[in-house]
Structures are given as C-alpha cells and as structure tokens.
PDB file of N, CA and C in Angstrom:
ATOM      1  N   MET A   1       4.805  12.931  -6.846  1.00  0.00           N
ATOM      2  CA  MET A   1       4.216  12.247  -6.530  1.00  0.00           C
ATOM      3  C   MET A   1       4.043  10.633  -6.989  1.00  0.00           C
ATOM      4  N   ALA A   2       4.454   9.929  -6.341  1.00  0.00           N
ATOM      5  CA  ALA A   2       4.537   8.403  -6.492  1.00  0.00           C
ATOM      6  C   ALA A   2       3.740   7.391  -5.800  1.00  0.00           C
ATOM      7  N   LEU A   3       2.130   7.068  -5.789  1.00  0.00           N
ATOM      8  CA  LEU A   3       1.536   6.308  -4.931  1.00  0.00           C
ATOM      9  C   LEU A   3       1.327   4.809  -6.226  1.00  0.00           C
ATOM     10  N   LEU A   4       1.779   4.019  -5.263  1.00  0.00           N
ATOM     11  CA  LEU A   4       1.455   2.609  -5.993  1.00  0.00           C
ATOM     12  C   LEU A   4       1.204   1.437  -5.192  1.00  0.00           C
ATOM     13  N   ILE A   5       0.276   0.419  -6.560  1.00  0.00           N
ATOM     14  CA  ILE A   5      -0.587   0.328  -5.508  1.00  0.00           C
ATOM     15  C   ILE A   5      -0.233  -1.748  -6.564  1.00  0.00           C
ATOM     16  N   ASP A   6      -0.506  -2.387  -5.823  1.00  0.00           N
ATOM     17  CA  ASP A   6      -0.261  -4.028  -6.593  1.00  0.00           C
ATOM     18  C   ASP A   6      -1.592  -4.778  -6.921  1.00  0.00           C
ATOM     19  N   PRO A   7      -1.705  -5.453  -7.454  1.00  0.00           N
ATOM     20  CA  PRO A   7      -3.533  -5.856  -8.070  1.00  0.00           C
ATOM     21  C   PRO A   7      -3.884  -6.283  -6.644  1.00  0.00           C
ATOM     22  N   PRO A   8      -4.957  -6.346  -6.724  1.00  0.00           N
ATOM     23  CA  PRO A   8      -5.793  -7.381  -5.185  1.00  0.00           C
ATOM     24  C   PRO A   8      -5.832  -8.647  -5.607  1.00  0.00           C
ATOM     25  N   ALA A   9      -4.754  -9.430  -4.478  1.00  0.00           N
ATOM     26  CA  ALA A   9      -4.377 -11.398  -4.979  1.00  0.00           C
ATOM     27  C   ALA A   9      -4.033 -11.000  -3.490  1.00  0.00           C
ATOM     28  N   TRP A  10      -4.240 -10.580  -2.359  1.00  0.00           N
ATOM     29  CA  TRP A  10      -3.606 -11.448  -1.447  1.00  0.00           C
ATOM     30  C   TRP A  10      -5.062 -11.759   0.012  1.00  0.00           C
ATOM     31  N   PRO A  11      -5.351 -12.638  -0.352  1.00  0.00           N
ATOM     32  CA  PRO A  11      -6.801 -12.920   0.694  1.00  0.00           C
ATOM     33  C   PRO A  11      -6.890 -12.557   2.315  1.00  0.00           C
ATOM     34  N   GLY A  12      -8.100 -12.459   2.786  1.00  0.00           N
ATOM     35  CA  GLY A  12      -7.715 -11.854   3.641  1.00  0.00           C
ATOM     36  C   GLY A  12      -9.212 -11.921   4.418  1.00  0.00           C
ATOM     37  N   ARG A  13     -10.259 -12.378   5.736  1.00  0.00           N
ATOM     38  CA  ARG A  13     -11.272 -11.881   5.376  1.00  0.00           C
ATOM     39  C   ARG A  13     -12.515 -12.630   3.991  1.00  0.00           C
ATOM     40  N   GLY A  14     -12.464 -13.215   3.621  1.00  0.00           N
ATOM     41  CA  GLY A  14     -13.586 -13.035   3.031  1.00  0.00           C
ATOM     42  C   GLY A  14     -13.221 -12.181   1.635  1.00  0.00           C
ATOM     43  N   ARG A  15     -12.195 -11.700   1.213  1.00  0.00           N
ATOM     44  CA  ARG A  15     -12.113 -10.905   0.339  1.00  0.00           C
ATOM     45  C   ARG A  15     -10.459 -10.274  -0.243  1.00  0.00           C
ATOM     46  N   LEU A  16     -10.167  -9.748  -1.368  1.00  0.00           N
ATOM     47  CA  LEU A  16      -8.706  -9.812  -1.665  1.00  0.00           C
ATOM     48  C   LEU A  16      -8.298  -8.662  -0.781  1.00  0.00           C
ATOM     49  N   TRP A  17      -7.393  -7.967  -1.311  1.00  0.00           N
ATOM     50  CA  TRP A  17      -6.570  -7.152  -0.758  1.00  0.00           C
ATOM     51  C   TRP A  17      -5.547  -6.652  -1.835  1.00  0.00           C
ATOM     52  N   SER A  18      -4.948  -5.255  -1.984  1.00  0.00           N
ATOM     53  CA  SER A  18      -3.956  -5.267  -2.426  1.00  0.00           C
ATOM     54  C   SER A  18      -2.825  -3.738  -1.650  1.00  0.00           C
ATOM     55  N   HIS A  19      -1.907  -3.866  -1.911  1.00  0.00           N
ATOM     56  CA  HIS A  19      -1.110  -3.056  -0.935  1.00  0.00           C
ATOM     57  C   HIS A  19      -1.446  -0.902  -1.696  1.00  0.00           C
ATOM     58  N   LEU A  20      -1.418  -0.418  -0.688  1.00  0.00           N
ATOM     59  CA  LEU A  20      -0.988   0.263  -0.984  1.00  0.00           C
ATOM     60  C   LEU A  20       0.513   1.337  -0.803  1.00  0.00           C
ATOM     61  N   VAL A  21       1.288   2.107  -1.938  1.00  0.00           N
ATOM     62  CA  VAL A  21       2.980   2.849  -0.531  1.00  0.00           C
ATOM     63  C   VAL A  21       3.177   4.069  -1.173  1.00  0.00           C
ATOM     64  N   SER A  22       3.784   4.679  -0.655  1.00  0.00           N
ATOM     65  CA  SER A  22       4.728   5.648  -1.630  1.00  0.00           C
ATOM     66  C   SER A  22       5.897   5.492  -2.257  1.00  0.00           C
ATOM     67  N   ASP A  23       6.471   5.825  -2.744  1.00  0.00           N
ATOM     68  CA  ASP A  23       8.048   5.770  -3.310  1.00  0.00           C
ATOM     69  C   ASP A  23       8.664   7.195  -2.241  1.00  0.00           C
ATOM     70  N   VAL A  24       7.448   8.217  -1.678  1.00  0.00           N
ATOM     71  CA  VAL A  24       8.254   9.539  -1.328  1.00  0.00           C
ATOM     72  C   VAL A  24       8.039   9.996   0.107  1.00  0.00           C
ATOM     73  N   SER A  25       6.661   9.262   0.668  1.00  0.00           N
ATOM     74  CA  SER A  25       7.288   9.637   2.086  1.00  0.00           C
ATOM     75  C   SER A  25       5.576   8.975   2.458  1.00  0.00           C
ATOM     76  N   HIS A  26       5.990   9.066   3.938  1.00  0.00           N
ATOM     77  CA  HIS A  26       4.278   8.189   4.560  1.00  0.00           C
ATOM     78  C   HIS A  26       3.670   9.318   4.534  1.00  0.00           C
ATOM     79  N   THR A  27       3.856  10.484   4.621  1.00  0.00           N
ATOM     80  CA  THR A  27       3.071  11.824   4.632  1.00  0.00           C
ATOM     81  C   THR A  27       1.697  11.949   3.376  1.00  0.00           C
ATOM     82  N   GLU A  28       2.866  11.154   2.108  1.00  0.00           N
ATOM     83  CA  GLU A  28       2.309  11.663   0.848  1.00  0.00           C
ATOM     84  C   GLU A  28       1.065  10.269   1.060  1.00  0.00           C
ATOM     85  N   LEU A  29       1.619   8.846   1.709  1.00  0.00           N
ATOM     86  CA  LEU A  29       0.726   8.179   1.405  1.00  0.00           C
ATOM     87  C   LEU A  29      -0.575   8.049   2.804  1.00  0.00           C
ATOM     88  N   HIS A  30      -0.411   9.008   4.288  1.00  0.00           N
ATOM     89  CA  HIS A  30      -1.290   9.045   4.400  1.00  0.00           C
ATOM     90  C   HIS A  30      -2.762  10.053   4.175  1.00  0.00           C
ATOM     91  N   ALA A  31      -2.030  10.562   3.166  1.00  0.00           N
ATOM     92  CA  ALA A  31      -2.766  12.067   2.589  1.00  0.00           C
ATOM     93  C   ALA A  31      -4.165  11.456   2.107  1.00  0.00           C
ATOM     94  N   PHE A  32      -3.113  10.817   1.315  1.00  0.00           N
ATOM     95  CA  PHE A  32      -4.155   9.643  -0.126  1.00  0.00           C
ATOM     96  C   PHE A  32      -4.668   8.824   0.350  1.00  0.00           C
ATOM     97  N   ALA A  33      -4.211   7.600   1.168  1.00  0.00           N
ATOM     98  CA  ALA A  33      -5.108   6.740   2.069  1.00  0.00           C
ATOM     99  C   ALA A  33      -6.612   7.756   1.978  1.00  0.00           C
ATOM    100  N   ARG A  34      -6.421   8.786   3.092  1.00  0.00           N
ATOM    101  CA  ARG A  34      -7.756   9.645   3.528  1.00  0.00           C
ATOM    102  C   ARG A  34      -8.354  10.302   2.756  1.00  0.00           C
ATOM    103  N   ALA A  35      -7.898  10.416   2.047  1.00  0.00           N
ATOM    104  CA  ALA A  35      -8.572  11.077   0.233  1.00  0.00           C
ATOM    105  C   ALA A  35      -9.185   9.243  -0.155  1.00  0.00           C
ATOM    106  N   LEU A  36      -8.949   8.577  -0.518  1.00  0.00           N
ATOM    107  CA  LEU A  36      -9.198   7.430  -0.851  1.00  0.00           C
ATOM    108  C   LEU A  36     -10.543   6.826  -0.066  1.00  0.00           C
ATOM    109  N   GLY A  37     -10.565   6.637   1.240  1.00  0.00           N
ATOM    110  CA  GLY A  37     -11.433   6.675   2.509  1.00  0.00           C
ATOM    111  C   GLY A  37     -10.905   5.549   2.891  1.00  0.00           C
ATOM    112  N   ALA A  38      -9.504   5.168   3.129  1.00  0.00           N
ATOM    113  CA  ALA A  38      -8.941   4.170   3.177  1.00  0.00           C
ATOM    114  C   ALA A  38      -9.015   4.396   4.937  1.00  0.00           C
ATOM    115  N   PRO A  39      -9.072   3.323   6.125  1.00  0.00           N
ATOM    116  CA  PRO A  39      -9.193   3.462   7.380  1.00  0.00           C
ATOM    117  C   PRO A  39      -8.185   3.928   8.068  1.00  0.00           C
ATOM    118  N   GLU A  40      -7.631   4.746   9.035  1.00  0.00           N
ATOM    119  CA  GLU A  40      -6.532   4.571   9.317  1.00  0.00           C
ATOM    120  C   GLU A  40      -6.095   2.808  10.511  1.00  0.00           C
ATOM    121  N   ARG A  41      -6.446   2.168  10.383  1.00  0.00           N
ATOM    122  CA  ARG A  41      -5.776   0.600  10.678  1.00  0.00           C
ATOM    123  C   ARG A  41      -5.599  -0.114  10.107  1.00  0.00           C
ATOM    124  N   ALA A  42      -6.021   0.269   8.131  1.00  0.00           N
ATOM    125  CA  ALA A  42      -5.460  -0.880   7.591  1.00  0.00           C
ATOM    126  C   ALA A  42      -3.991  -0.448   7.156  1.00  0.00           C
ATOM    127  N   PHE A  43      -3.644   1.109   8.327  1.00  0.00           N
ATOM    128  CA  PHE A  43      -1.797   1.296   7.729  1.00  0.00           C
ATOM    129  C   PHE A  43      -1.498   0.221   8.388  1.00  0.00           C
ATOM    130  N   ASP A  44      -0.348  -0.487   7.742  1.00  0.00           N
ATOM    131  CA  ASP A  44       0.339  -1.620   8.872  1.00  0.00           C
ATOM    132  C   ASP A  44       1.934  -1.216   8.461  1.00  0.00           C
ATOM    133  N   ARG A  45       2.636  -0.788   9.239  1.00  0.00           N
ATOM    134  CA  ARG A  45       4.427  -0.422   8.754  1.00  0.00           C
ATOM    135  C   ARG A  45       4.657   0.354   7.798  1.00  0.00           C
ATOM    136  N   ASP A  46       4.388   0.166   6.402  1.00  0.00           N
ATOM    137  CA  ASP A  46       4.962   1.344   5.799  1.00  0.00           C
ATOM    138  C   ASP A  46       3.911   0.887   4.054  1.00  0.00           C
ATOM    139  N   HIS A  47       2.637   0.301   4.448  1.00  0.00           N
ATOM    140  CA  HIS A  47       1.779  -0.125   4.089  1.00  0.00           C
ATOM    141  C   HIS A  47       0.449   0.370   3.946  1.00  0.00           C
ATOM    142  N   TYR A  48      -0.767   0.471   3.885  1.00  0.00           N
ATOM    143  CA  TYR A  48      -2.204   0.677   3.779  1.00  0.00           C
ATOM    144  C   TYR A  48      -2.531  -0.608   3.246  1.00  0.00           C
ATOM    145  N   ASP A  49      -3.534  -1.885   3.276  1.00  0.00           N
ATOM    146  CA  ASP A  49      -4.341  -2.486   2.821  1.00  0.00           C
ATOM    147  C   ASP A  49      -5.470  -2.485   2.586  1.00  0.00           C
ATOM    148  N   VAL A  50      -5.294  -1.981   1.304  1.00  0.00           N
ATOM    149  CA  VAL A  50      -6.458  -1.771   1.039  1.00  0.00           C
ATOM    150  C   VAL A  50      -7.886  -2.924   0.035  1.00  0.00           C
ATOM    151  N   PRO A  51      -9.168  -2.981   0.280  1.00  0.00           N
ATOM    152  CA  PRO A  51      -9.941  -3.869  -0.518  1.00  0.00           C
ATOM    153  C   PRO A  51      -9.701  -3.572  -1.874  1.00  0.00           C
ATOM    154  N   ALA A  52     -10.034  -4.995  -2.413  1.00  0.00           N
ATOM    155  CA  ALA A  52     -10.310  -5.136  -4.287  1.00  0.00           C
ATOM    156  C   ALA A  52     -11.094  -4.317  -4.316  1.00  0.00           C
ATOM    157  N   ASP A  53     -12.246  -3.343  -3.343  1.00  0.00           N
ATOM    158  CA  ASP A  53     -13.129  -2.471  -4.533  1.00  0.00           C
ATOM    159  C   ASP A  53     -12.449  -1.323  -4.667  1.00  0.00           C
ATOM    160  N   LEU A  54     -11.535  -1.379  -3.440  1.00  0.00           N
ATOM    161  CA  LEU A  54     -10.843   0.997  -3.758  1.00  0.00           C
ATOM    162  C   LEU A  54      -9.814   0.311  -4.345  1.00  0.00           C
ATOM    163  N   TYR A  55      -9.898  -0.931  -5.267  1.00  0.00           N
ATOM    164  CA  TYR A  55      -8.327  -0.566  -6.108  1.00  0.00           C
ATOM    165  C   TYR A  55      -8.777   0.153  -7.370  1.00  0.00           C
ATOM    166  N   ALA A  56      -9.853   0.149  -8.335  1.00  0.00           N
ATOM    167  CA  ALA A  56     -10.112   1.221  -9.418  1.00  0.00           C
ATOM    168  C   ALA A  56     -10.020   2.691  -9.021  1.00  0.00           C
ATOM    169  N   LYS A  57     -11.054   2.857  -7.297  1.00  0.00           N
ATOM    170  CA  LYS A  57     -10.384   4.254  -7.037  1.00  0.00           C
ATOM    171  C   LYS A  57      -9.261   4.927  -7.012  1.00  0.00           C
ATOM    172  N   ALA A  58      -8.474   4.085  -6.108  1.00  0.00           N
ATOM    173  CA  ALA A  58      -7.208   4.669  -6.167  1.00  0.00           C
ATOM    174  C   ALA A  58      -6.351   4.571  -7.592  1.00  0.00           C
ATOM    175  N   LEU A  59      -6.845   3.739  -8.437  1.00  0.00           N
ATOM    176  CA  LEU A  59      -6.388   4.302 -10.013  1.00  0.00           C
ATOM    177  C   LEU A  59      -6.855   5.513 -10.259  1.00  0.00           C
ATOM    178  N   ALA A  60      -7.778   5.462 -10.070  1.00  0.00           N
ATOM    179  CA  ALA A  60      -8.721   7.000 -11.009  1.00  0.00           C
ATOM    180  C   ALA A  60      -8.334   8.173 -10.055  1.00  0.00           C
ATOM    181  N   GLN A  61      -7.441   8.361  -8.998  1.00  0.00           N
ATOM    182  CA  GLN A  61      -6.899   9.216  -7.879  1.00  0.00           C
ATOM    183  C   GLN A  61      -5.561   9.406  -8.156  1.00  0.00           C
ATOM    184  N   GLY A  62      -5.326   8.281  -9.402  1.00  0.00           N
ATOM    185  CA  GLY A  62      -3.930   8.365  -9.222  1.00  0.00           C
ATOM    186  C   GLY A  62      -2.914   7.386  -9.201  1.00  0.00           C
ATOM    187  N   ALA A  63      -3.261   6.876  -8.209  1.00  0.00           N
ATOM    188  CA  ALA A  63      -1.932   5.544  -7.449  1.00  0.00           C
ATOM    189  C   ALA A  63      -1.792   4.951  -9.120  1.00  0.00           C
ATOM    190  N   GLU A  64      -0.341   4.456  -8.739  1.00  0.00           N
ATOM    191  CA  GLU A  64       0.755   3.757  -9.915  1.00  0.00           C
ATOM    192  C   GLU A  64       0.065   1.997 -10.117  1.00  0.00           C
ATOM    193  N   PRO A  65      -0.631   1.227 -10.980  1.00  0.00           N
ATOM    194  CA  PRO A  65      -0.121  -0.393 -10.800  1.00  0.00           C
ATOM    195  C   PRO A  65       0.823  -0.337 -10.863  1.00  0.00           C
ATOM    196  N   VAL A  66       1.261  -1.294 -10.129  1.00  0.00           N
ATOM    197  CA  VAL A  66       2.757  -2.232 -10.220  1.00  0.00           C
ATOM    198  C   VAL A  66       2.364  -3.479  -9.236  1.00  0.00           C
ATOM    199  N   SER A  67       3.737  -4.592 -10.232  1.00  0.00           N
ATOM    200  CA  SER A  67       3.795  -5.800  -9.346  1.00  0.00           C
ATOM    201  C   SER A  67       3.275  -5.127  -8.403  1.00  0.00           C
ATOM    202  N   SER A  68       2.969  -6.674  -7.205  1.00  0.00           N
ATOM    203  CA  SER A  68       4.305  -6.471  -5.871  1.00  0.00           C
ATOM    204  C   SER A  68       5.423  -7.107  -5.496  1.00  0.00           C
ATOM    205  N   ARG A  69       5.847  -7.261  -6.574  1.00  0.00           N
ATOM    206  CA  ARG A  69       7.423  -7.167  -6.483  1.00  0.00           C
ATOM    207  C   ARG A  69       8.110  -6.214  -6.883  1.00  0.00           C
ATOM    208  N   GLU A  70       7.258  -5.129  -7.798  1.00  0.00           N
ATOM    209  CA  GLU A  70       7.801  -4.448  -8.236  1.00  0.00           C
ATOM    210  C   GLU A  70       7.606  -2.799  -7.079  1.00  0.00           C
ATOM    211  N   LEU A  71       6.269  -3.084  -6.558  1.00  0.00           N
ATOM    212  CA  LEU A  71       6.350  -2.153  -5.470  1.00  0.00           C
ATOM    213  C   LEU A  71       7.353  -2.461  -3.641  1.00  0.00           C
ATOM    214  N   VAL A  72       7.522  -3.590  -3.913  1.00  0.00           N
ATOM    215  CA  VAL A  72       8.531  -3.639  -3.224  1.00  0.00           C
ATOM    216  C   VAL A  72       9.647  -2.992  -3.401  1.00  0.00           C
ATOM    217  N   ILE A  73      10.527  -3.484  -4.786  1.00  0.00           N
ATOM    218  CA  ILE A  73      11.648  -2.651  -4.509  1.00  0.00           C
ATOM    219  C   ILE A  73      11.670  -0.955  -5.115  1.00  0.00           C
ATOM    220  N   ARG A  74      10.274  -0.841  -5.362  1.00  0.00           N
ATOM    221  CA  ARG A  74      10.439   1.088  -5.143  1.00  0.00           C
ATOM    222  C   ARG A  74      10.398   1.461  -3.585  1.00  0.00           C
ATOM    223  N   LEU A  75       9.673   0.675  -2.746  1.00  0.00           N
ATOM    224  CA  LEU A  75       9.180   1.541  -1.276  1.00  0.00           C
ATOM    225  C   LEU A  75      11.136   0.935  -0.959  1.00  0.00           C
ATOM    226  N   THR A  76      11.525  -0.031  -0.833  1.00  0.00           N
ATOM    227  CA  THR A  76      13.010  -0.457  -0.236  1.00  0.00           C
ATOM    228  C   THR A  76      14.212   0.327  -1.366  1.00  0.00           C
ATOM    229  N   ALA A  77      13.972   0.811  -2.790  1.00  0.00           N
ATOM    230  CA  ALA A  77      15.170   1.832  -2.980  1.00  0.00           C
ATOM    231  C   ALA A  77      14.520   3.245  -2.309  1.00  0.00           C
ATOM    232  N   ALA A  78      13.302   3.832  -2.235  1.00  0.00           N
ATOM    233  CA  ALA A  78      12.797   4.734  -1.199  1.00  0.00           C
ATOM    234  C   ALA A  78      13.644   4.847  -0.372  1.00  0.00           C
ATOM    235  N   GLY A  79      13.687   3.714   0.764  1.00  0.00           N
ATOM    236  CA  GLY A  79      14.051   4.118   1.731  1.00  0.00           C
ATOM    237  C   GLY A  79      13.460   4.088   3.158  1.00  0.00           C
ATOM    238  N   LEU A  80      11.854   3.253   2.819  1.00  0.00           N
ATOM    239  CA  LEU A  80      10.969   3.798   3.297  1.00  0.00           C
ATOM    240  C   LEU A  80       9.770   2.155   3.407  1.00  0.00           C
ATOM    241  N   ARG A  81      11.066   1.298   3.896  1.00  0.00           N
ATOM    242  CA  ARG A  81      10.373  -0.172   3.956  1.00  0.00           C
ATOM    243  C   ARG A  81      10.654  -0.825   4.958  1.00  0.00           C
ATOM    244  N   ARG A  82       9.439  -0.983   5.522  1.00  0.00           N
ATOM    245  CA  ARG A  82       9.345  -1.573   7.388  1.00  0.00           C
ATOM    246  C   ARG A  82       9.111  -2.803   7.759  1.00  0.00           C
ATOM    247  N   ARG A  83      10.384  -3.545   7.888  1.00  0.00           N
ATOM    248  CA  ARG A  83       9.933  -5.050   8.065  1.00  0.00           C
ATOM    249  C   ARG A  83      10.068  -5.130   9.015  1.00  0.00           C
ATOM    250  N   LYS A  84       8.847  -6.885   9.420  1.00  0.00           N
ATOM    251  CA  LYS A  84       8.738  -6.576  10.795  1.00  0.00           C
ATOM    252  C   LYS A  84       9.623  -7.334  11.732  1.00  0.00           C
ATOM    253  N   ARG A  85       9.986  -6.811  12.611  1.00  0.00           N
ATOM    254  CA  ARG A  85      11.309  -7.444  13.548  1.00  0.00           C
ATOM    255  C   ARG A  85      11.118  -9.056  13.793  1.00  0.00           C
ATOM    256  N   TYR A  86      12.781  -9.746  13.617  1.00  0.00           N
ATOM    257  CA  TYR A  86      12.621 -11.226  14.004  1.00  0.00           C
ATOM    258  C   TYR A  86      12.116 -11.158  15.351  1.00  0.00           C
ATOM    259  N   ARG A  87      11.675 -11.915  16.125  1.00  0.00           N
ATOM    260  CA  ARG A  87      11.583 -12.200  17.514  1.00  0.00           C
ATOM    261  C   ARG A  87      11.267 -13.546  18.025  1.00  0.00           C
ATOM    262  N   PRO A  88      12.875 -14.324  18.223  1.00  0.00           N
ATOM    263  CA  PRO A  88      12.871 -15.853  18.427  1.00  0.00           C
ATOM    264  C   PRO A  88      11.295 -16.285  19.588  1.00  0.00           C
ATOM    265  N   ARG A  89      10.889 -17.148  19.197  1.00  0.00           N
ATOM    266  CA  ARG A  89       9.509 -17.488  20.890  1.00  0.00           C
ATOM    267  C   ARG A  89      10.925 -18.280  21.841  1.00  0.00           C
TER     268      ARG A  89
END
C-alpha cells in the first residue's frame, strides 16, 4: 500500500490543500479517502483534494509525505495519472 500526500500548498476557497494519491490503485485511494473523511466530491480524475486540516490525520493513518513533484512522478510511473483532456476553444 502506497498512499502519497503532498504538503498543503495549493490555495483555494480560503484554504490550503494537499493532493492525496495511491500508486497502487484507485480502489485503494477511495478506501483510504473514506476512512480519512474526505467527501467523494473531493476526487478529481486521479487524486483527492485534501484540506490542510486533514493533512496530519492522513499522515497518522499511513500516507507517505512527498513533494508535489515526487507525487506526480510516482503516480505517472504507476500508470494511474489521468490528465485533463485538451479542448481547443
């Protein structure tokens, strides 16, 4: 099991956010997010947006702290990265 979380550095809606991913499966990611208390609506293609106030809880439940760059590298290497589609205007 490898759940990864980057530091809460992404601003939005007056808060800072982390990204939570699994480098094993989305099934594992969804189960961990439910146990963490993250709502389903926080899932975005291949990660959960996790508010800063849940960061310590994620670490306590076993998420591995990594840099944002490392998170993307490992997610891509696992074949679980889902990029946004480019849609020309």
